[in-house]
Amino acid sequence: MPSKLTQLRNIGNTSALWLQAIGVSDIHHLREVGAVDAYVRIQERGIKTSKVLLYAIHGALTDQHWNDIPADIKQELCDAAEKRLLTTDDA
């Protein structure tokens, strides 16, 4: 199993830098944090990304191309991320 972020499916240099900016430096830590939490932390740092990053991180964790993730899973990811972002905005 790759430990370097850029060895994961969907994770290029820029995505790896964003993950490192939130303290995620390898696959083990990314698994602990999870796709939604990682995406939310990146958003909270003011890094402007699209939802594709959320799908890409999930795909990296599940070893599938982000575009192959079923629509219902994508919607669940988006709902969870938006709920977390709203919760942190209210805090």
C-alpha atoms as a PDB file:
ATOM      1  CA  MET A   1       0.000   0.000   0.000  1.00  0.00           C
ATOM      2  CA  PRO A   2       1.427   3.405  -0.907  1.00  0.00           C
ATOM      3  CA  SER A   3       2.177   5.731   1.965  1.00  0.00           C
ATOM      4  CA  LYS A   4       3.114   8.773  -0.075  1.00  0.00           C
ATOM      5  CA  LEU A   5       0.018  10.826  -0.898  1.00  0.00           C
ATOM      6  CA  THR A   6       0.876  11.331  -4.565  1.00  0.00           C
ATOM      7  CA  GLN A   7       1.024   7.561  -5.034  1.00  0.00           C
ATOM      8  CA  LEU A   8      -2.700   7.379  -4.306  1.00  0.00           C
ATOM      9  CA  ARG A   9      -5.268   7.394  -7.057  1.00  0.00           C
ATOM     10  CA  ASN A  10      -6.657  10.918  -7.738  1.00  0.00           C
ATOM     11  CA  ILE A  11      -4.050  12.716  -5.597  1.00  0.00           C
ATOM     12  CA  GLY A  12      -1.660  14.914  -7.521  1.00  0.00           C
ATOM     13  CA  ASN A  13       0.939  17.364  -6.281  1.00  0.00           C
ATOM     14  CA  THR A  14      -1.510  20.173  -5.570  1.00  0.00           C
ATOM     15  CA  SER A  15      -3.960  17.972  -3.679  1.00  0.00           C
ATOM     16  CA  ALA A  16      -1.067  16.492  -1.694  1.00  0.00           C
ATOM     17  CA  LEU A  17       0.104  20.009  -0.777  1.00  0.00           C
ATOM     18  CA  TRP A  18      -3.393  20.929   0.389  1.00  0.00           C
ATOM     19  CA  LEU A  19      -3.550  17.768   2.500  1.00  0.00           C
ATOM     20  CA  GLN A  20      -0.130  18.500   3.963  1.00  0.00           C
ATOM     21  CA  ALA A  21      -1.309  22.035   4.768  1.00  0.00           C
ATOM     22  CA  ILE A  22      -3.892  20.502   7.121  1.00  0.00           C
ATOM     23  CA  GLY A  23      -1.336  18.143   8.648  1.00  0.00           C
ATOM     24  CA  VAL A  24      -2.100  15.023   6.614  1.00  0.00           C
ATOM     25  CA  SER A  25       1.171  13.637   5.311  1.00  0.00           C
ATOM     26  CA  ASP A  26       0.448   9.986   4.500  1.00  0.00           C
ATOM     27  CA  ILE A  27      -2.289   7.489   3.709  1.00  0.00           C
ATOM     28  CA  HIS A  28      -2.482   6.283   7.300  1.00  0.00           C
ATOM     29  CA  HIS A  29      -3.311   9.739   8.609  1.00  0.00           C
ATOM     30  CA  LEU A  30      -5.684  10.353   5.696  1.00  0.00           C
ATOM     31  CA  ARG A  31      -7.583   7.181   6.635  1.00  0.00           C
ATOM     32  CA  GLU A  32      -7.821   8.409  10.243  1.00  0.00           C
ATOM     33  CA  VAL A  33      -9.105  11.830   9.168  1.00  0.00           C
ATOM     34  CA  GLY A  34     -11.423  10.606   6.396  1.00  0.00           C
ATOM     35  CA  ALA A  35     -12.470  12.261   3.172  1.00  0.00           C
ATOM     36  CA  VAL A  36     -15.137  14.581   4.570  1.00  0.00           C
ATOM     37  CA  ASP A  37     -13.033  15.864   7.454  1.00  0.00           C
ATOM     38  CA  ALA A  38      -9.998  16.390   5.221  1.00  0.00           C
ATOM     39  CA  TYR A  39     -12.091  18.292   2.680  1.00  0.00           C
ATOM     40  CA  VAL A  40     -13.708  20.441   5.375  1.00  0.00           C
ATOM     41  CA  ARG A  41     -10.332  21.265   6.942  1.00  0.00           C
ATOM     42  CA  ILE A  42      -9.002  22.336   3.533  1.00  0.00           C
ATOM     43  CA  GLN A  43     -12.063  24.539   2.998  1.00  0.00           C
ATOM     44  CA  GLU A  44     -11.666  26.043   6.473  1.00  0.00           C
ATOM     45  CA  ARG A  45      -8.094  27.056   5.604  1.00  0.00           C
ATOM     46  CA  GLY A  46      -9.546  29.247   2.876  1.00  0.00           C
ATOM     47  CA  ILE A  47      -8.318  27.060   0.035  1.00  0.00           C
ATOM     48  CA  LYS A  48     -10.929  27.306  -2.691  1.00  0.00           C
ATOM     49  CA  THR A  49     -11.610  23.924  -4.250  1.00  0.00           C
ATOM     50  CA  SER A  50     -14.507  22.207  -5.943  1.00  0.00           C
ATOM     51  CA  LYS A  51     -16.397  19.169  -4.730  1.00  0.00           C
ATOM     52  CA  VAL A  52     -14.190  17.112  -7.048  1.00  0.00           C
ATOM     53  CA  LEU A  53     -11.514  17.295  -4.337  1.00  0.00           C
ATOM     54  CA  LEU A  54     -13.940  15.661  -1.912  1.00  0.00           C
ATOM     55  CA  TYR A  55     -14.632  12.904  -4.430  1.00  0.00           C
ATOM     56  CA  ALA A  56     -10.924  12.558  -5.218  1.00  0.00           C
ATOM     57  CA  ILE A  57     -10.025  12.072  -1.559  1.00  0.00           C
ATOM     58  CA  HIS A  58     -12.807   9.527  -1.118  1.00  0.00           C
ATOM     59  CA  GLY A  59     -11.627   7.765  -4.270  1.00  0.00           C
ATOM     60  CA  ALA A  60      -8.056   7.756  -2.981  1.00  0.00           C
ATOM     61  CA  LEU A  61      -9.262   6.007   0.163  1.00  0.00           C
ATOM     62  CA  THR A  62     -11.384   3.496  -1.748  1.00  0.00           C
ATOM     63  CA  ASP A  63      -8.993   3.056  -4.701  1.00  0.00           C
ATOM     64  CA  GLN A  64     -11.397   4.242  -7.360  1.00  0.00           C
ATOM     65  CA  HIS A  65     -11.359   7.073  -9.844  1.00  0.00           C
ATOM     66  CA  TRP A  66     -13.399   9.972  -8.498  1.00  0.00           C
ATOM     67  CA  ASN A  67     -15.642   9.961 -11.564  1.00  0.00           C
ATOM     68  CA  ASP A  68     -16.564   6.301 -10.939  1.00  0.00           C
ATOM     69  CA  ILE A  69     -18.013   6.993  -7.495  1.00  0.00           C
ATOM     70  CA  PRO A  70     -21.781   6.404  -7.623  1.00  0.00           C
ATOM     71  CA  ALA A  71     -23.987   9.499  -7.561  1.00  0.00           C
ATOM     72  CA  ASP A  72     -25.630   8.513  -4.271  1.00  0.00           C
ATOM     73  CA  ILE A  73     -22.236   8.251  -2.549  1.00  0.00           C
ATOM     74  CA  LYS A  74     -21.210  11.617  -3.983  1.00  0.00           C
ATOM     75  CA  GLN A  75     -24.410  13.122  -2.616  1.00  0.00           C
ATOM     76  CA  GLU A  76     -23.796  11.584   0.828  1.00  0.00           C
ATOM     77  CA  LEU A  77     -20.260  13.022   0.828  1.00  0.00           C
ATOM     78  CA  CYS A  78     -21.535  16.475  -0.176  1.00  0.00           C
ATOM     79  CA  ASP A  79     -24.302  16.408   2.423  1.00  0.00           C
ATOM     80  CA  ALA A  80     -21.866  15.417   5.170  1.00  0.00           C
ATOM     81  CA  ALA A  81     -19.347  18.079   4.141  1.00  0.00           C
ATOM     82  CA  GLU A  82     -21.973  20.822   3.930  1.00  0.00           C
ATOM     83  CA  LYS A  83     -23.363  19.860   7.315  1.00  0.00           C
ATOM     84  CA  ARG A  84     -19.865  20.045   8.826  1.00  0.00           C
ATOM     85  CA  LEU A  85     -19.142  23.375   7.139  1.00  0.00           C
ATOM     86  CA  LEU A  86     -22.427  24.840   8.413  1.00  0.00           C
ATOM     87  CA  THR A  87     -21.668  23.575  11.914  1.00  0.00           C
ATOM     88  CA  THR A  88     -18.233  25.182  11.938  1.00  0.00           C
ATOM     89  CA  ASP A  89     -19.633  28.443  10.535  1.00  0.00           C
ATOM     90  CA  ASP A  90     -22.103  28.612  13.422  1.00  0.00           C
ATOM     91  CA  ALA A  91     -19.440  28.002  16.064  1.00  0.00           C
END
